[in-house]
């Protein structure tokens, strides 16, 4: 595998097939994940609003 840092050798020692999990087994982890994602999205929107409202000179914001 080649990355920006050069070539890397990856050795696979074991493979396991995926399967379905019961909702009850993952609901707490799923709720935490969704809450974190919603928080990140809200923070991104808030920061985007601040950047759009600000007058910034001499610096280019990536992704815009």
N, C-alpha and C. Protein backbone atom coordinates (compact mmCIF):
# COMPACT_ATOMS: atom_id res chain seq x y z
N UNK A 1 0.84 -1.16 0.00
CA UNK A 1 0.00 0.00 0.00
C UNK A 1 0.90 1.24 0.00
N UNK A 2 0.58 2.22 -0.85
CA UNK A 2 1.35 3.44 -0.91
C UNK A 2 0.53 4.59 -0.34
N UNK A 3 1.15 5.36 0.56
CA UNK A 3 0.52 6.55 1.12
C UNK A 3 1.42 7.74 0.82
N UNK A 4 1.05 8.91 1.33
CA UNK A 4 1.86 10.10 1.12
C UNK A 4 3.22 9.97 1.79
N UNK A 5 3.37 9.02 2.70
CA UNK A 5 4.63 8.83 3.41
C UNK A 5 5.48 7.71 2.82
N UNK A 6 5.00 7.07 1.77
CA UNK A 6 5.75 5.99 1.14
C UNK A 6 4.95 4.70 1.14
N UNK A 7 5.66 3.58 0.97
CA UNK A 7 5.01 2.27 0.91
C UNK A 7 4.92 1.66 2.30
N UNK A 8 3.84 0.93 2.54
CA UNK A 8 3.64 0.23 3.81
C UNK A 8 3.27 -1.21 3.49
N UNK A 9 3.81 -2.12 4.27
CA UNK A 9 3.49 -3.54 4.11
C UNK A 9 2.50 -3.92 5.19
N UNK A 10 1.39 -4.53 4.79
CA UNK A 10 0.34 -4.91 5.72
C UNK A 10 0.20 -6.42 5.69
N UNK A 11 0.28 -7.04 6.85
CA UNK A 11 0.14 -8.48 6.95
C UNK A 11 -1.21 -8.80 7.57
N UNK A 12 -2.00 -9.63 6.89
CA UNK A 12 -3.30 -10.05 7.39
C UNK A 12 -3.13 -11.40 8.07
N UNK A 13 -3.44 -11.43 9.37
CA UNK A 13 -3.29 -12.68 10.13
C UNK A 13 -4.60 -13.42 10.30
N UNK A 14 -5.71 -12.71 10.19
CA UNK A 14 -7.01 -13.34 10.41
C UNK A 14 -8.09 -12.53 9.71
N UNK A 15 -9.09 -13.20 9.22
CA UNK A 15 -10.25 -12.54 8.61
C UNK A 15 -11.50 -13.10 9.24
N UNK A 16 -12.44 -12.20 9.51
CA UNK A 16 -13.72 -12.62 10.06
C UNK A 16 -14.82 -11.96 9.25
N UNK A 17 -15.84 -12.72 8.93
CA UNK A 17 -16.95 -12.16 8.18
C UNK A 17 -17.84 -11.35 9.13
N UNK A 18 -18.42 -10.32 8.61
CA UNK A 18 -19.32 -9.49 9.42
C UNK A 18 -20.66 -10.17 9.59
N UNK A 19 -21.41 -9.68 10.52
CA UNK A 19 -22.73 -10.25 10.76
C UNK A 19 -23.65 -9.20 11.34
N UNK A 20 -24.89 -9.55 11.50
CA UNK A 20 -25.87 -8.65 12.08
C UNK A 20 -25.75 -8.67 13.60
N UNK A 21 -26.02 -7.50 14.18
CA UNK A 21 -26.01 -7.40 15.63
C UNK A 21 -27.41 -6.99 16.09
N UNK A 22 -27.79 -7.43 17.24
CA UNK A 22 -29.09 -7.07 17.79
C UNK A 22 -29.08 -5.61 18.21
N UNK A 23 -30.17 -4.93 17.96
CA UNK A 23 -30.29 -3.51 18.31
C UNK A 23 -30.03 -3.30 19.81
N UNK A 24 -30.55 -4.16 20.63
CA UNK A 24 -30.39 -4.04 22.08
C UNK A 24 -28.91 -4.08 22.49
N UNK A 25 -28.10 -4.80 21.72
CA UNK A 25 -26.68 -4.91 22.03
C UNK A 25 -25.90 -3.65 21.69
N UNK A 26 -26.40 -2.86 20.75
CA UNK A 26 -25.63 -1.70 20.29
C UNK A 26 -26.33 -0.36 20.50
N UNK A 27 -27.53 -0.36 21.06
CA UNK A 27 -28.30 0.88 21.11
C UNK A 27 -27.60 1.98 21.89
N UNK A 28 -26.93 1.68 23.00
CA UNK A 28 -26.24 2.72 23.77
C UNK A 28 -25.09 3.31 22.98
N UNK A 29 -24.32 2.46 22.34
CA UNK A 29 -23.19 2.91 21.52
C UNK A 29 -23.67 3.70 20.31
N UNK A 30 -24.77 3.26 19.71
CA UNK A 30 -25.35 3.96 18.56
C UNK A 30 -25.86 5.34 18.97
N UNK A 31 -26.52 5.42 20.11
CA UNK A 31 -27.03 6.70 20.59
C UNK A 31 -25.88 7.67 20.85
N UNK A 32 -24.81 7.20 21.46
CA UNK A 32 -23.65 8.04 21.72
C UNK A 32 -23.04 8.54 20.41
N UNK A 33 -22.92 7.64 19.44
CA UNK A 33 -22.36 8.00 18.13
C UNK A 33 -23.21 9.06 17.45
N UNK A 34 -24.52 8.88 17.44
CA UNK A 34 -25.42 9.83 16.78
C UNK A 34 -25.40 11.19 17.49
N UNK A 35 -25.33 11.18 18.82
CA UNK A 35 -25.24 12.44 19.57
C UNK A 35 -23.94 13.17 19.24
N UNK A 36 -22.83 12.45 19.16
CA UNK A 36 -21.55 13.06 18.82
C UNK A 36 -21.58 13.64 17.41
N UNK A 37 -22.17 12.91 16.48
CA UNK A 37 -22.26 13.39 15.10
C UNK A 37 -23.13 14.66 15.02
N UNK A 38 -24.23 14.68 15.74
CA UNK A 38 -25.09 15.85 15.74
C UNK A 38 -24.35 17.05 16.35
N UNK A 39 -23.59 16.81 17.40
CA UNK A 39 -22.80 17.88 18.02
C UNK A 39 -21.74 18.42 17.08
N UNK A 40 -21.07 17.53 16.37
CA UNK A 40 -20.05 17.95 15.40
C UNK A 40 -20.68 18.76 14.27
N UNK A 41 -21.84 18.31 13.80
CA UNK A 41 -22.51 19.03 12.72
C UNK A 41 -22.94 20.42 13.18
N UNK A 42 -23.47 20.52 14.39
CA UNK A 42 -23.89 21.81 14.92
C UNK A 42 -22.69 22.74 15.08
N UNK A 43 -21.56 22.20 15.57
CA UNK A 43 -20.36 23.01 15.73
C UNK A 43 -19.84 23.47 14.38
N UNK A 44 -19.87 22.60 13.39
CA UNK A 44 -19.42 22.96 12.05
C UNK A 44 -20.29 24.08 11.47
N UNK A 45 -21.60 23.97 11.63
CA UNK A 45 -22.50 25.00 11.13
C UNK A 45 -22.25 26.33 11.84
N UNK A 46 -22.05 26.28 13.15
CA UNK A 46 -21.81 27.49 13.93
C UNK A 46 -20.50 28.16 13.48
N UNK A 47 -19.44 27.36 13.34
CA UNK A 47 -18.16 27.91 12.91
C UNK A 47 -18.24 28.45 11.49
N UNK A 48 -18.98 27.79 10.62
CA UNK A 48 -19.16 28.29 9.26
C UNK A 48 -19.86 29.64 9.25
N UNK A 49 -20.85 29.79 10.12
CA UNK A 49 -21.54 31.08 10.23
C UNK A 49 -20.59 32.17 10.72
N UNK A 50 -19.75 31.83 11.68
CA UNK A 50 -18.78 32.81 12.18
C UNK A 50 -17.79 33.21 11.09
N UNK A 51 -17.31 32.23 10.33
CA UNK A 51 -16.36 32.50 9.26
C UNK A 51 -17.02 33.35 8.18
N UNK A 52 -18.25 33.01 7.82
CA UNK A 52 -18.95 33.79 6.79
C UNK A 52 -19.19 35.23 7.23
N UNK A 53 -19.42 35.44 8.53
CA UNK A 53 -19.70 36.78 9.04
C UNK A 53 -18.42 37.59 9.28
N UNK A 54 -17.29 36.90 9.38
CA UNK A 54 -16.04 37.58 9.70
C UNK A 54 -15.38 38.12 8.43
N UNK A 55 -14.62 39.18 8.61
CA UNK A 55 -13.83 39.72 7.51
C UNK A 55 -12.39 39.26 7.76
N UNK A 56 -11.99 38.25 7.01
CA UNK A 56 -10.66 37.65 7.19
C UNK A 56 -9.84 37.97 5.95
N UNK A 57 -8.69 38.56 6.17
CA UNK A 57 -7.82 38.92 5.04
C UNK A 57 -6.47 38.22 5.19
N UNK A 58 -5.91 37.84 4.08
CA UNK A 58 -4.58 37.25 4.08
C UNK A 58 -4.54 35.79 4.42
N UNK A 59 -5.70 35.14 4.50
CA UNK A 59 -5.73 33.72 4.82
C UNK A 59 -6.90 33.09 4.08
N UNK A 60 -6.66 31.95 3.48
CA UNK A 60 -7.70 31.25 2.74
C UNK A 60 -8.19 30.07 3.56
N UNK A 61 -9.48 30.02 3.83
CA UNK A 61 -10.08 28.91 4.57
C UNK A 61 -10.25 27.73 3.61
N UNK A 62 -9.69 26.58 3.96
CA UNK A 62 -9.81 25.39 3.12
C UNK A 62 -11.25 24.92 3.02
N UNK A 63 -11.60 24.36 1.87
CA UNK A 63 -12.93 23.79 1.69
C UNK A 63 -13.99 24.78 1.26
N UNK A 64 -13.63 26.02 1.12
CA UNK A 64 -14.62 27.03 0.70
C UNK A 64 -14.26 27.56 -0.66
